[in-house]
Protein backbone atom coordinates (compact mmCIF):
# COMPACT_ATOMS: atom_id res chain seq x y z
CA UNK A 1 108.70 -107.30 -60.17
CA UNK A 2 110.91 -110.32 -61.35
CA UNK A 3 112.65 -110.80 -64.06
CA UNK A 4 110.78 -112.14 -67.43
CA UNK A 5 111.77 -116.10 -68.51
CA UNK A 6 113.54 -115.27 -71.89
CA UNK A 7 112.52 -117.99 -74.11
CA UNK A 8 114.25 -119.53 -76.98
CA UNK A 9 111.97 -119.32 -80.45
CA UNK A 10 112.29 -121.83 -83.48
CA UNK A 11 111.43 -119.27 -86.46
CA UNK A 12 110.91 -120.94 -89.92
CA UNK A 13 109.50 -120.38 -93.27
CA UNK A 14 107.96 -123.58 -94.98
CA UNK A 15 106.35 -124.16 -97.65
CA UNK A 16 102.53 -125.50 -97.65
CA UNK A 17 103.64 -129.01 -97.67
CA UNK A 18 105.70 -128.67 -95.35
CA UNK A 19 109.27 -127.98 -96.56
CA UNK A 20 111.61 -125.22 -95.56
CA UNK A 21 114.30 -125.92 -98.11
CA UNK A 22 114.09 -127.45 -101.86
CA UNK A 23 116.59 -129.42 -103.50
CA UNK A 24 120.22 -128.27 -103.47
CA UNK A 25 119.40 -125.92 -100.43
CA UNK A 26 116.83 -123.82 -102.95
CA UNK A 27 114.78 -121.16 -100.85
CA UNK A 28 114.11 -119.31 -103.77
CA UNK A 29 110.78 -119.77 -103.85
CA UNK A 30 110.35 -118.10 -99.98
CA UNK A 31 108.00 -114.75 -100.40
CA UNK A 32 109.96 -112.24 -98.66
CA UNK A 33 108.90 -109.00 -99.71
CA UNK A 34 109.24 -105.10 -98.17
CA UNK A 35 106.05 -105.71 -95.80
CA UNK A 36 107.29 -109.47 -94.53
CA UNK A 37 111.12 -108.46 -94.46
CA UNK A 38 110.20 -105.23 -92.08
CA UNK A 39 108.11 -107.71 -89.99
CA UNK A 40 110.75 -109.53 -89.05
CA UNK A 41 112.70 -107.11 -88.85
CA UNK A 42 110.59 -104.75 -85.99
CA UNK A 43 110.53 -108.37 -84.24
CA UNK A 44 114.11 -109.55 -84.62
CA UNK A 45 115.85 -106.13 -83.41
CA UNK A 46 114.68 -106.34 -79.88
CA UNK A 47 115.67 -109.73 -79.67
CA UNK A 48 118.66 -111.12 -77.30
CA UNK A 49 120.64 -113.58 -80.05
CA UNK A 50 120.69 -115.65 -82.60
CA UNK A 51 121.24 -119.55 -82.33
CA UNK A 52 122.34 -121.90 -85.25
CA UNK A 53 123.68 -125.09 -86.67
CA UNK A 54 127.01 -124.34 -88.63
CA UNK A 55 126.03 -124.49 -92.27
CA UNK A 56 122.88 -122.20 -91.12
CA UNK A 57 125.51 -119.33 -89.92
CA UNK A 58 128.12 -120.30 -92.78
CA UNK A 59 125.15 -119.40 -95.20
CA UNK A 60 124.00 -116.28 -93.13
CA UNK A 61 127.43 -115.09 -92.97
CA UNK A 62 128.33 -115.40 -96.68
CA UNK A 63 125.73 -112.41 -97.48
CA UNK A 64 124.09 -110.82 -94.50
CA UNK A 65 127.74 -108.63 -92.99
CA UNK A 66 127.55 -106.54 -96.22
CA UNK A 67 124.49 -106.57 -97.51
CA UNK A 68 124.06 -103.00 -96.57
CA UNK A 69 126.84 -101.71 -98.61
CA UNK A 70 125.01 -103.71 -101.52
CA UNK A 71 122.69 -100.54 -103.75
CA UNK A 72 120.66 -103.55 -104.98
CA UNK A 73 119.60 -104.38 -100.95
CA UNK A 74 115.84 -102.76 -100.19
CA UNK A 75 115.52 -100.76 -96.78
CA UNK A 76 114.13 -103.66 -94.92
CA UNK A 77 117.46 -105.63 -96.19
CA UNK A 78 120.06 -102.94 -95.30
CA UNK A 79 118.22 -102.84 -92.05
CA UNK A 80 118.30 -106.68 -91.63
CA UNK A 81 122.07 -106.56 -92.04
CA UNK A 82 122.87 -104.24 -89.55
CA UNK A 83 120.52 -106.77 -86.98
CA UNK A 84 122.59 -109.65 -88.22
CA UNK A 85 126.06 -108.20 -87.65
CA UNK A 86 125.64 -106.48 -84.36
CA UNK A 87 123.44 -109.16 -82.87
CA UNK A 88 124.86 -111.84 -80.21
CA UNK A 89 125.33 -115.60 -82.08
CA UNK A 90 125.28 -118.61 -80.65
CA UNK A 91 126.50 -121.69 -83.38
CA UNK A 92 125.99 -124.84 -82.62
CA UNK A 93 129.16 -126.72 -84.18
CA UNK A 94 131.71 -130.00 -83.38
CA UNK A 95 134.11 -128.61 -86.22
CA UNK A 96 134.32 -124.73 -85.86
CA UNK A 97 136.22 -123.23 -82.71
CA UNK A 98 135.83 -119.92 -83.47
CA UNK A 99 134.12 -117.54 -86.23
CA UNK A 100 133.37 -114.06 -86.61
CA UNK A 101 130.68 -111.67 -86.67
CA UNK A 102 130.06 -111.44 -82.72
CA UNK A 103 129.37 -115.26 -82.30
CA UNK A 104 129.90 -117.97 -79.91
CA UNK A 105 130.53 -121.65 -81.06
CA UNK A 106 129.25 -123.89 -78.43
CA UNK A 107 129.93 -128.04 -79.27
CA UNK A 108 126.94 -129.69 -77.73
CA UNK A 109 123.40 -128.92 -76.29
CA UNK A 110 123.51 -129.75 -72.93
CA UNK A 111 119.87 -128.34 -71.42
CA UNK A 112 121.69 -127.37 -68.24
CA UNK A 113 124.17 -124.91 -70.65
CA UNK A 114 121.05 -123.96 -72.60
CA UNK A 115 118.83 -122.84 -69.23
CA UNK A 116 122.19 -120.62 -68.02
CA UNK A 117 122.27 -119.15 -71.70
CA UNK A 118 118.31 -117.67 -71.63
CA UNK A 119 119.39 -116.37 -67.93
CA UNK A 120 122.26 -114.15 -69.10
CA UNK A 121 120.54 -113.34 -72.58
CA UNK A 122 119.12 -109.39 -73.23
CA UNK A 123 115.85 -111.48 -75.03
CA UNK A 124 114.64 -113.66 -76.07
CA UNK A 125 116.27 -116.51 -78.44
CA UNK A 126 115.84 -117.18 -82.04
CA UNK A 127 116.63 -119.81 -83.86
CA UNK A 128 116.35 -121.68 -86.98
CA UNK A 129 117.20 -124.47 -89.43
CA UNK A 130 115.99 -128.16 -88.82
CA UNK A 131 118.97 -130.39 -87.41
CA UNK A 132 119.54 -128.79 -84.19
CA UNK A 133 116.02 -127.57 -84.11
CA UNK A 134 115.03 -131.10 -83.63
CA UNK A 135 117.81 -131.61 -81.20
CA UNK A 136 116.35 -128.66 -79.16
CA UNK A 137 112.56 -130.37 -79.87
CA UNK A 138 113.76 -133.43 -78.32
CA UNK A 139 114.90 -132.16 -75.18
CA UNK A 140 112.01 -129.27 -74.90
CA UNK A 141 114.22 -127.22 -75.15
CA UNK A 142 112.02 -124.54 -78.00
CA UNK A 143 109.55 -122.63 -75.95
CA UNK A 144 107.55 -120.61 -78.92
CA UNK A 145 107.58 -121.86 -82.67
CA UNK A 146 107.05 -119.17 -85.81
CA UNK A 147 105.90 -120.59 -88.59
CA UNK A 148 105.90 -118.41 -91.83
CA UNK A 149 103.34 -120.71 -94.38
CA UNK A 150 104.65 -119.63 -97.61
CA UNK A 151 101.92 -119.81 -100.41
CA UNK A 152 103.55 -122.31 -102.48
CA UNK A 153 103.50 -126.26 -102.68
CA UNK A 154 107.48 -127.98 -103.86
CA UNK A 155 107.21 -131.13 -103.61
CA UNK A 156 110.65 -131.86 -102.33
CA UNK A 157 113.19 -130.70 -100.15
CA UNK A 158 114.06 -130.68 -96.18
CA UNK A 159 111.29 -130.98 -93.89
CA UNK A 160 111.43 -128.75 -90.52
CA UNK A 161 110.09 -131.04 -88.33
CA UNK A 162 111.67 -134.60 -89.43
CA UNK A 163 111.60 -136.62 -86.29
CA UNK A 164 108.72 -139.24 -86.02
CA UNK A 165 109.83 -140.68 -82.43
CA UNK A 166 107.96 -137.66 -80.03
CA UNK A 167 105.15 -135.66 -80.57
CA UNK A 168 105.03 -131.64 -79.01
CA UNK A 169 101.10 -130.20 -77.91
CA UNK A 170 101.11 -126.41 -78.98
CA UNK A 171 98.97 -123.57 -77.95
CA UNK A 172 98.47 -121.25 -81.02
CA UNK A 173 98.33 -117.57 -79.65
CA UNK A 174 99.07 -115.58 -83.12
CA UNK A 175 98.24 -115.90 -86.61
CA UNK A 176 98.53 -113.19 -89.22
CA UNK A 177 98.58 -113.04 -92.80
CA UNK A 178 100.33 -110.76 -95.07
CA UNK A 179 99.95 -109.19 -98.67
CA UNK A 180 102.21 -111.36 -100.15
CA UNK A 181 99.76 -114.88 -99.22
CA UNK A 182 102.44 -115.32 -96.16
CA UNK A 183 100.60 -116.59 -92.56
CA UNK A 184 102.51 -116.40 -89.54
CA UNK A 185 101.60 -119.07 -87.41
CA UNK A 186 102.91 -118.49 -83.68
CA UNK A 187 102.68 -120.84 -81.03
CA UNK A 188 103.91 -121.77 -77.39
CA UNK A 189 105.09 -125.18 -76.36
CA UNK A 190 102.32 -126.77 -73.89
CA UNK A 191 104.02 -129.31 -72.49
CA UNK A 192 107.20 -131.42 -72.71
CA UNK A 193 108.03 -133.12 -75.62
CA UNK A 194 106.45 -137.30 -75.46
CA UNK A 195 107.61 -140.36 -77.35
CA UNK A 196 105.17 -140.83 -80.16
CA UNK A 197 102.39 -143.72 -80.45
CA UNK A 198 103.70 -146.67 -82.88
């Protein structure tokens, strides 16, 4: 029996109007209760690594390494702290030369190198963010999209999908609603990106 092909999964929370963060990188409107957090822990504990850009990685590294030592952390938050700390992480940056917490720094998105990374991974690779995701999408490197739609409209901020120069066809493979009103939409890419029509 052959080895299953690893996937690169883009996972992001977005507002109903398509923003993943508000002005000043505000994500206080994200609704992550214990049910949703535990779901994410269950999903992420078995992946092969996390992919991020420098800014996202540094924001994560400011909080999660010691979150399980915080007495105010919920059980799910403490559980994710342990997952994040031990998980292999791949940070794309031209300014960093090294990073702590089991992190490999990669300067550029080179499709051949990403294919090697997928082949060597012990499981699927999960990424978040917008700028790096756009680069991966242009190269046709994202295999699955997990979008957690938040029941809120924020009106302004940064969009996950902000590149108007290409389209990607997707197949819906799962939808799930949570008690706090968040809806998961899980899509698989059905083809390579194509130039958007004028």
